[in-house]
Amino acid sequence: MIPSPTRPAPATIALAHVSLRCLIIAATKFIVRNYGVRCR
């Protein structure tokens, strides 16, 4: 899934950006949850 160097697809970039943002949010929630459990 490598975008062509001549013209990158905007849809692919947008999809990757959204999925990356969702992944960061999920990871943050997961870390906060584990950290809270360990703190208590």
Protein backbone atom coordinates (compact mmCIF):
# COMPACT_ATOMS: atom_id res chain seq x y z
CA MET A 1 0.00 0.00 0.00
CA ILE A 2 2.60 2.55 -1.13
CA PRO A 3 1.22 5.79 -2.62
CA SER A 4 2.60 6.68 -6.05
CA PRO A 5 5.26 9.42 -5.88
CA THR A 6 3.70 11.22 -8.86
CA ARG A 7 0.37 11.99 -7.20
CA PRO A 8 -0.52 10.81 -3.67
CA ALA A 9 -4.19 10.03 -3.15
CA PRO A 10 -5.86 12.59 -0.82
CA ALA A 11 -8.40 9.97 0.27
CA THR A 12 -5.64 7.59 1.35
CA ILE A 13 -3.87 10.36 3.27
CA ALA A 14 -7.11 11.42 4.98
CA LEU A 15 -7.94 7.81 5.86
CA ALA A 16 -4.47 7.26 7.30
CA HIS A 17 -4.74 10.50 9.31
CA VAL A 18 -8.13 9.52 10.77
CA SER A 19 -7.02 5.98 11.60
CA LEU A 20 -3.82 7.32 13.18
CA ARG A 21 -5.83 9.77 15.29
CA CYS A 22 -8.19 6.98 16.41
CA LEU A 23 -5.18 4.80 17.25
CA ILE A 24 -3.61 7.58 19.34
CA ILE A 25 -6.90 8.17 21.20
CA ALA A 26 -7.31 4.44 21.88
CA ALA A 27 -3.71 4.15 23.09
CA THR A 28 -4.15 7.18 25.36
CA LYS A 29 -7.31 5.71 26.90
CA PHE A 30 -5.57 2.35 27.35
CA ILE A 31 -2.53 3.93 29.04
CA VAL A 32 -4.66 6.16 31.28
CA ARG A 33 -6.79 3.19 32.32
CA ASN A 34 -3.77 1.03 33.17
CA TYR A 35 -2.05 3.94 34.93
CA GLY A 36 -5.16 4.62 37.02
CA VAL A 37 -5.45 0.96 37.99
CA ARG A 38 -1.77 0.83 38.97
CA CYS A 39 -1.97 4.07 40.94
CA ARG A 40 -4.87 2.81 43.04
